Amino acid sequence: MSEDLLGRLKAATKGLRYVSESDRPVKPFVWKEAEAAGMTDPETVLRTVRKIQADTPIRSKTVEEFFAPMLYEYEGQPDEEKEGVRRFRELRDLLKASLTDPRAFRVGDEPDIPAYVLGKTPAGDWAGVETVLVET
């Protein structure tokens, strides 16, 4: 089941870039239950699987808040940008439909900020997408 989801996430994110001060690729992941055995809190999963130090701040957002900048439409928007908006909406919808209680997380305060949208799959694995936000 998680492999099927990973395939759908790969298709949904192919060539997709999250726009901040730098456009960075959006990459899917599945962290198998063996890696995150017994972990029910997404922050604990992030700290354990990604080996994030205990004193590194992790900030949570809703999936809607995380994707909001990518879903902005305006009059006269180029077709390429409209296509990006459509694809980000599809990705958001896929994550919300496929994962239990998906949340977005920003890790740290550096100019290059790892960001994750993750939740649990029906199989009990953790899955989602990751990118890097650049904020100076």
N, C-alpha and C. Protein backbone atom coordinates (compact mmCIF):
# COMPACT_ATOMS: atom_id res chain seq x y z
N MET A 1 0.82 -1.20 0.00
CA MET A 1 0.00 0.00 0.00
C MET A 1 0.87 1.26 0.00
N SER A 2 1.89 1.30 0.87
CA SER A 2 2.74 2.49 0.93
C SER A 2 3.55 2.67 -0.35
N GLU A 3 3.90 1.55 -1.03
CA GLU A 3 4.64 1.65 -2.28
C GLU A 3 3.76 2.28 -3.35
N ASP A 4 2.46 1.94 -3.34
CA ASP A 4 1.51 2.54 -4.28
C ASP A 4 1.42 4.04 -4.02
N LEU A 5 1.33 4.43 -2.76
CA LEU A 5 1.28 5.84 -2.41
C LEU A 5 2.57 6.54 -2.83
N LEU A 6 3.71 5.92 -2.59
CA LEU A 6 4.98 6.51 -3.00
C LEU A 6 4.99 6.74 -4.51
N GLY A 7 4.50 5.80 -5.27
CA GLY A 7 4.42 5.96 -6.73
C GLY A 7 3.54 7.14 -7.12
N ARG A 8 2.40 7.28 -6.46
CA ARG A 8 1.50 8.40 -6.75
C ARG A 8 2.14 9.73 -6.35
N LEU A 9 2.85 9.73 -5.21
CA LEU A 9 3.54 10.95 -4.78
C LEU A 9 4.67 11.32 -5.75
N LYS A 10 5.40 10.32 -6.23
CA LYS A 10 6.46 10.59 -7.20
C LYS A 10 5.89 11.21 -8.47
N ALA A 11 4.77 10.67 -8.95
CA ALA A 11 4.14 11.23 -10.14
C ALA A 11 3.65 12.67 -9.89
N ALA A 12 3.08 12.90 -8.71
CA ALA A 12 2.53 14.21 -8.37
C ALA A 12 3.62 15.27 -8.19
N THR A 13 4.81 14.86 -7.77
CA THR A 13 5.87 15.83 -7.48
C THR A 13 6.91 15.95 -8.60
N LYS A 14 6.81 15.13 -9.63
CA LYS A 14 7.81 15.16 -10.69
C LYS A 14 7.94 16.57 -11.28
N GLY A 15 9.13 17.15 -11.14
CA GLY A 15 9.41 18.47 -11.66
C GLY A 15 8.80 19.62 -10.86
N LEU A 16 8.11 19.31 -9.76
CA LEU A 16 7.46 20.34 -8.95
C LEU A 16 8.47 21.02 -8.03
N ARG A 17 8.40 22.35 -7.95
CA ARG A 17 9.34 23.12 -7.14
C ARG A 17 8.57 24.08 -6.25
N TYR A 18 8.92 24.08 -4.95
CA TYR A 18 8.31 24.99 -3.98
C TYR A 18 9.05 26.32 -4.09
N VAL A 19 8.31 27.39 -4.30
CA VAL A 19 8.91 28.70 -4.52
C VAL A 19 9.04 29.45 -3.20
N SER A 20 10.27 29.80 -2.85
CA SER A 20 10.55 30.70 -1.73
C SER A 20 11.58 31.67 -2.29
N GLU A 21 12.60 32.00 -1.56
CA GLU A 21 13.64 32.85 -2.16
C GLU A 21 14.47 32.08 -3.17
N SER A 22 14.31 30.79 -3.17
CA SER A 22 14.92 29.91 -4.15
C SER A 22 13.92 28.80 -4.43
N ASP A 23 13.82 28.37 -5.67
CA ASP A 23 12.90 27.29 -6.01
C ASP A 23 13.57 25.96 -5.74
N ARG A 24 13.00 25.18 -4.83
CA ARG A 24 13.59 23.88 -4.48
C ARG A 24 12.62 22.75 -4.82
N PRO A 25 13.16 21.60 -5.22
CA PRO A 25 12.29 20.48 -5.58
C PRO A 25 11.50 19.96 -4.38
N VAL A 26 10.34 19.43 -4.70
CA VAL A 26 9.50 18.75 -3.72
C VAL A 26 9.71 17.26 -3.93
N LYS A 27 10.10 16.56 -2.87
CA LYS A 27 10.45 15.14 -2.98
C LYS A 27 9.56 14.31 -2.06
N PRO A 28 9.04 13.20 -2.58
CA PRO A 28 8.21 12.33 -1.75
C PRO A 28 9.06 11.38 -0.90
N PHE A 29 8.46 10.86 0.16
CA PHE A 29 9.14 9.86 0.99
C PHE A 29 8.11 8.95 1.65
N VAL A 30 8.55 7.76 1.99
CA VAL A 30 7.83 6.85 2.87
C VAL A 30 8.84 6.34 3.87
N TRP A 31 8.58 6.53 5.15
CA TRP A 31 9.42 6.00 6.21
C TRP A 31 8.71 4.78 6.78
N LYS A 32 9.27 3.62 6.51
CA LYS A 32 8.65 2.36 6.90
C LYS A 32 8.41 2.27 8.40
N GLU A 33 7.41 1.50 8.75
CA GLU A 33 7.04 1.30 10.15
C GLU A 33 8.23 0.83 10.98
N ALA A 34 9.12 0.05 10.36
CA ALA A 34 10.31 -0.42 11.09
C ALA A 34 11.19 0.74 11.52
N GLU A 35 11.29 1.79 10.68
CA GLU A 35 12.10 2.94 11.03
C GLU A 35 11.47 3.76 12.14
N ALA A 36 10.15 3.84 12.14
CA ALA A 36 9.44 4.70 13.08
C ALA A 36 8.58 3.87 14.03
N ALA A 37 9.03 2.66 14.35
CA ALA A 37 8.24 1.73 15.16
C ALA A 37 7.79 2.36 16.47
N GLY A 38 6.52 2.31 16.69
CA GLY A 38 5.96 2.77 17.95
C GLY A 38 5.86 4.28 18.08
N MET A 39 6.28 5.02 17.10
CA MET A 39 6.24 6.48 17.20
C MET A 39 4.90 7.00 16.68
N THR A 40 4.21 7.73 17.51
CA THR A 40 2.89 8.24 17.12
C THR A 40 2.89 9.75 16.95
N ASP A 41 3.93 10.41 17.37
CA ASP A 41 4.02 11.86 17.30
C ASP A 41 4.90 12.25 16.12
N PRO A 42 4.39 13.08 15.19
CA PRO A 42 5.21 13.42 14.02
C PRO A 42 6.51 14.13 14.35
N GLU A 43 6.54 14.95 15.39
CA GLU A 43 7.80 15.62 15.75
C GLU A 43 8.84 14.60 16.22
N THR A 44 8.41 13.58 16.95
CA THR A 44 9.33 12.53 17.37
C THR A 44 9.85 11.77 16.17
N VAL A 45 8.98 11.50 15.21
CA VAL A 45 9.39 10.82 13.98
C VAL A 45 10.44 11.66 13.26
N LEU A 46 10.19 12.96 13.10
CA LEU A 46 11.16 13.83 12.44
C LEU A 46 12.50 13.83 13.16
N ARG A 47 12.47 14.00 14.46
CA ARG A 47 13.72 14.05 15.22
C ARG A 47 14.49 12.73 15.13
N THR A 48 13.78 11.62 15.11
CA THR A 48 14.43 10.32 15.09
C THR A 48 14.92 9.94 13.69
N VAL A 49 14.03 10.01 12.71
CA VAL A 49 14.38 9.58 11.35
C VAL A 49 15.36 10.55 10.70
N ARG A 50 15.19 11.83 10.92
CA ARG A 50 16.06 12.84 10.32
C ARG A 50 17.20 13.26 11.24
N LYS A 51 17.27 12.66 12.41
CA LYS A 51 18.34 12.92 13.37
C LYS A 51 18.47 14.43 13.68
N ILE A 52 17.35 15.03 14.00
CA ILE A 52 17.31 16.45 14.33
C ILE A 52 17.63 16.62 15.81
N GLN A 53 18.49 17.56 16.13
CA GLN A 53 18.90 17.79 17.51
C GLN A 53 17.72 18.25 18.35
N ALA A 54 17.75 17.88 19.62
CA ALA A 54 16.65 18.17 20.53
C ALA A 54 16.36 19.66 20.67
N ASP A 55 17.37 20.51 20.56
CA ASP A 55 17.14 21.94 20.75
C ASP A 55 16.78 22.68 19.45
N THR A 56 16.66 21.97 18.34
CA THR A 56 16.28 22.59 17.08
C THR A 56 14.78 22.84 17.07
N PRO A 57 14.37 24.09 16.82
CA PRO A 57 12.93 24.36 16.82
C PRO A 57 12.23 23.71 15.64
N ILE A 58 11.07 23.15 15.91
CA ILE A 58 10.21 22.59 14.87
C ILE A 58 8.86 23.29 14.99
N ARG A 59 8.45 23.93 13.91
CA ARG A 59 7.18 24.65 13.92
C ARG A 59 6.18 23.93 13.01
N SER A 60 4.96 23.81 13.50
CA SER A 60 3.92 23.10 12.78
C SER A 60 2.96 24.07 12.10
N LYS A 61 2.47 23.66 10.94
CA LYS A 61 1.43 24.40 10.21
C LYS A 61 0.43 23.39 9.69
N THR A 62 -0.74 23.88 9.31
CA THR A 62 -1.68 23.00 8.63
C THR A 62 -1.19 22.81 7.19
N VAL A 63 -1.69 21.79 6.56
CA VAL A 63 -1.36 21.54 5.15
C VAL A 63 -1.82 22.73 4.31
N GLU A 64 -2.99 23.27 4.62
CA GLU A 64 -3.51 24.43 3.89
C GLU A 64 -2.56 25.62 4.00
N GLU A 65 -2.09 25.90 5.22
CA GLU A 65 -1.18 27.03 5.42
C GLU A 65 0.13 26.83 4.66
N PHE A 66 0.65 25.60 4.68
CA PHE A 66 1.92 25.32 4.01
C PHE A 66 1.81 25.54 2.50
N PHE A 67 0.73 25.05 1.91
CA PHE A 67 0.59 25.12 0.45
C PHE A 67 0.01 26.45 -0.04
N ALA A 68 -0.52 27.28 0.85
CA ALA A 68 -1.19 28.53 0.44
C ALA A 68 -0.36 29.38 -0.53
N PRO A 69 0.96 29.59 -0.29
CA PRO A 69 1.71 30.43 -1.24
C PRO A 69 1.79 29.82 -2.65
N MET A 70 1.67 28.52 -2.75
CA MET A 70 1.77 27.85 -4.05
C MET A 70 0.44 27.81 -4.79
N LEU A 71 -0.65 28.19 -4.10
CA LEU A 71 -1.98 28.08 -4.67
C LEU A 71 -2.56 29.43 -5.09
N TYR A 72 -1.74 30.45 -5.06
CA TYR A 72 -2.18 31.81 -5.38
C TYR A 72 -2.40 31.97 -6.88
N GLU A 73 -3.59 32.42 -7.26
CA GLU A 73 -3.90 32.70 -8.66
C GLU A 73 -4.15 34.19 -8.82
N TYR A 74 -3.82 34.71 -9.98
CA TYR A 74 -4.09 36.12 -10.26
C TYR A 74 -4.38 36.30 -11.75
N GLU A 75 -5.04 37.40 -12.05
CA GLU A 75 -5.40 37.71 -13.43
C GLU A 75 -4.14 37.91 -14.26
N GLY A 76 -4.12 37.32 -15.43
CA GLY A 76 -2.97 37.44 -16.32
C GLY A 76 -1.83 36.49 -15.98
N GLN A 77 -2.07 35.58 -15.07
CA GLN A 77 -1.03 34.62 -14.66
C GLN A 77 -0.63 33.76 -15.86
N PRO A 78 0.68 33.59 -16.09
CA PRO A 78 1.13 32.75 -17.21
C PRO A 78 0.63 31.30 -17.05
N ASP A 79 0.42 30.65 -18.19
CA ASP A 79 -0.08 29.28 -18.19
C ASP A 79 0.80 28.34 -17.37
N GLU A 80 2.11 28.53 -17.44
CA GLU A 80 3.04 27.68 -16.68
C GLU A 80 2.77 27.79 -15.17
N GLU A 81 2.54 28.99 -14.68
CA GLU A 81 2.24 29.18 -13.27
C GLU A 81 0.87 28.60 -12.91
N LYS A 82 -0.11 28.75 -13.80
CA LYS A 82 -1.44 28.16 -13.56
C LYS A 82 -1.33 26.64 -13.44
N GLU A 83 -0.49 26.06 -14.27
CA GLU A 83 -0.27 24.61 -14.21
C GLU A 83 0.35 24.22 -12.88
N GLY A 84 1.30 25.02 -12.39
CA GLY A 84 1.90 24.76 -11.09
C GLY A 84 0.88 24.83 -9.97
N VAL A 85 -0.01 25.81 -10.02
CA VAL A 85 -1.08 25.93 -9.03
C VAL A 85 -1.95 24.67 -9.06
N ARG A 86 -2.33 24.23 -10.26
CA ARG A 86 -3.16 23.03 -10.40
C ARG A 86 -2.46 21.81 -9.79
N ARG A 87 -1.18 21.66 -10.08
CA ARG A 87 -0.44 20.50 -9.59
C ARG A 87 -0.26 20.55 -8.07
N PHE A 88 -0.01 21.73 -7.50
CA PHE A 88 0.10 21.83 -6.05
C PHE A 88 -1.25 21.53 -5.39
N ARG A 89 -2.35 21.92 -6.00
CA ARG A 89 -3.67 21.57 -5.45
C ARG A 89 -3.87 20.06 -5.46
N GLU A 90 -3.48 19.43 -6.55
CA GLU A 90 -3.60 17.96 -6.64
C GLU A 90 -2.73 17.29 -5.58
N LEU A 91 -1.50 17.79 -5.38
CA LEU A 91 -0.62 17.22 -4.37
C LEU A 91 -1.22 17.39 -2.97
N ARG A 92 -1.69 18.59 -2.67
CA ARG A 92 -2.33 18.84 -1.37
C ARG A 92 -3.48 17.87 -1.15
N ASP A 93 -4.33 17.72 -2.16
CA ASP A 93 -5.49 16.84 -2.05
C ASP A 93 -5.08 15.38 -1.87
N LEU A 94 -4.04 14.95 -2.59
CA LEU A 94 -3.54 13.59 -2.46
C LEU A 94 -3.03 13.32 -1.04
N LEU A 95 -2.27 14.26 -0.50
CA LEU A 95 -1.74 14.10 0.86
C LEU A 95 -2.87 14.05 1.88
N LYS A 96 -3.85 14.93 1.74
CA LYS A 96 -4.95 14.98 2.69
C LYS A 96 -5.82 13.72 2.60
N ALA A 97 -5.98 13.17 1.40
CA ALA A 97 -6.81 11.98 1.21
C ALA A 97 -6.09 10.69 1.61
N SER A 98 -4.77 10.68 1.54
CA SER A 98 -4.01 9.44 1.72
C SER A 98 -3.40 9.27 3.10
N LEU A 99 -3.29 10.36 3.86
CA LEU A 99 -2.60 10.31 5.14
C LEU A 99 -3.53 10.69 6.29
N THR A 100 -3.31 10.07 7.42
CA THR A 100 -4.06 10.42 8.62
C THR A 100 -3.45 11.67 9.23
N ASP A 101 -4.27 12.69 9.43
CA ASP A 101 -3.87 13.94 10.08
C ASP A 101 -2.54 14.48 9.56
N PRO A 102 -2.43 14.76 8.24
CA PRO A 102 -1.17 15.31 7.74
C PRO A 102 -0.93 16.71 8.29
N ARG A 103 0.32 17.00 8.60
CA ARG A 103 0.74 18.31 9.12
C ARG A 103 2.01 18.72 8.40
N ALA A 104 2.26 20.02 8.37
CA ALA A 104 3.49 20.55 7.78
C ALA A 104 4.40 21.01 8.91
N PHE A 105 5.71 20.82 8.73
CA PHE A 105 6.69 21.18 9.75
C PHE A 105 7.87 21.91 9.11
N ARG A 106 8.28 22.98 9.76
CA ARG A 106 9.51 23.72 9.41
C ARG A 106 10.53 23.39 10.49
N VAL A 107 11.73 23.05 10.07
CA VAL A 107 12.75 22.60 11.01
C VAL A 107 13.89 23.60 11.05
N GLY A 108 14.05 24.28 12.18
CA GLY A 108 15.17 25.20 12.36
C GLY A 108 14.87 26.61 11.89
N ASP A 109 15.88 27.46 12.06
CA ASP A 109 15.76 28.88 11.72
C ASP A 109 16.83 29.34 10.73
N GLU A 110 17.57 28.42 10.16
CA GLU A 110 18.63 28.78 9.23
C GLU A 110 18.02 29.34 7.94
N PRO A 111 18.83 29.97 7.11
CA PRO A 111 18.27 30.44 5.83
C PRO A 111 17.72 29.29 4.98
N ASP A 112 18.33 28.10 5.05
CA ASP A 112 17.82 26.92 4.35
C ASP A 112 17.06 26.08 5.38
N ILE A 113 15.73 26.09 5.27
CA ILE A 113 14.87 25.47 6.28
C ILE A 113 14.24 24.20 5.71
N PRO A 114 14.63 23.03 6.21
CA PRO A 114 13.95 21.81 5.78
C PRO A 114 12.47 21.88 6.17
N ALA A 115 11.62 21.48 5.24
CA ALA A 115 10.18 21.49 5.49
C ALA A 115 9.60 20.15 5.06
N TYR A 116 8.66 19.66 5.85
CA TYR A 116 8.05 18.36 5.62
C TYR A 116 6.54 18.47 5.75
N VAL A 117 5.82 17.75 4.92
CA VAL A 117 4.40 17.50 5.13
C VAL A 117 4.32 16.00 5.32
N LEU A 118 3.85 15.57 6.50
CA LEU A 118 3.81 14.14 6.75
C LEU A 118 2.60 13.74 7.56
N GLY A 119 2.28 12.47 7.43
CA GLY A 119 1.19 11.86 8.16
C GLY A 119 1.34 10.36 8.07
N LYS A 120 0.43 9.65 8.69
CA LYS A 120 0.49 8.18 8.69
C LYS A 120 -0.32 7.61 7.53
N THR A 121 0.24 6.56 6.95
CA THR A 121 -0.48 5.84 5.90
C THR A 121 -1.38 4.79 6.56
N PRO A 122 -2.34 4.23 5.83
CA PRO A 122 -3.16 3.16 6.39
C PRO A 122 -2.34 1.95 6.85
N ALA A 123 -1.15 1.76 6.25
CA ALA A 123 -0.28 0.64 6.63
C ALA A 123 0.52 0.92 7.89
N GLY A 124 0.45 2.16 8.41
CA GLY A 124 1.17 2.50 9.63
C GLY A 124 2.53 3.13 9.39
N ASP A 125 2.90 3.33 8.13
CA ASP A 125 4.15 4.02 7.82
C ASP A 125 3.93 5.53 7.90
N TRP A 126 5.01 6.28 7.90
CA TRP A 126 4.95 7.73 7.81
C TRP A 126 5.33 8.10 6.39
N ALA A 127 4.57 9.01 5.77
CA ALA A 127 4.82 9.38 4.38
C ALA A 127 4.49 10.85 4.18
N GLY A 128 4.96 11.37 3.06
CA GLY A 128 4.67 12.75 2.71
C GLY A 128 5.65 13.28 1.71
N VAL A 129 5.91 14.59 1.80
CA VAL A 129 6.85 15.26 0.90
C VAL A 129 7.76 16.15 1.72
N GLU A 130 8.93 16.41 1.15
CA GLU A 130 9.88 17.32 1.79
C GLU A 130 10.45 18.27 0.76
N THR A 131 10.88 19.43 1.25
CA THR A 131 11.53 20.43 0.43
C THR A 131 12.40 21.30 1.34
N VAL A 132 12.99 22.31 0.77
CA VAL A 132 13.78 23.27 1.55
C VAL A 132 13.25 24.66 1.24
N LEU A 133 12.94 25.41 2.29
CA LEU A 133 12.52 26.80 2.15
C LEU A 133 13.75 27.67 2.36
N VAL A 134 13.95 28.64 1.49
CA VAL A 134 15.09 29.54 1.64
C VAL A 134 14.54 30.89 2.06
N GLU A 135 14.96 31.31 3.27
CA GLU A 135 14.51 32.59 3.82
C GLU A 135 15.70 33.30 4.43
N THR A 136 16.05 34.45 3.88
CA THR A 136 17.18 35.21 4.41
C THR A 136 16.70 36.49 5.05
